[in-house]
């Protein structure tokens, strides 16, 4: 039963969780690794994760937390080769517009996380706040700032009726 229930959850959630994490981290390969790790952890704790009020948010939050842990561990290591070049994140990704992904990468991390949970997972403000460990008002503020930035970079207005 556990295996079948988890398999159905994975099939229904894997793509949306990947897009949400991709929006949060901006690197396709990293997002895939993080989501795989999060789903592995979910499988290991499936009885409690399945009772979570928003299991998809649990996956995304776990993936983003794993990134922080990996970053902290990596920060302590001695760099052996120059700068790490990010892989081309737009190749082979039918669900993400490259222009959108480029602008998302420019947002502060917390704004990307809020966008990932509120927009990509369609969570409400309270659930997003709980998943991120912040106040609902903070979620609203980050979402507002992120949307304003995205709108400023992605929306172009061509109105021939407006003249000088």
Foldseek 3Di string as FASTA:
>chain_A
DLVVVLVVVCVVQVVLLLVLLCLLALANVLSVVLLVVLSVVCSVVVVVLVVPPQSSLSSNLSSVVVVVVVVVVVVPDDDDDDDDDGDPRPPPDPPDDPQSSVLSNVQPNVLSNLCSCCPSVVDDLVVSCVSVVHDSVVSVVSPVVSVVSSCVRPPDDDDPVDDD
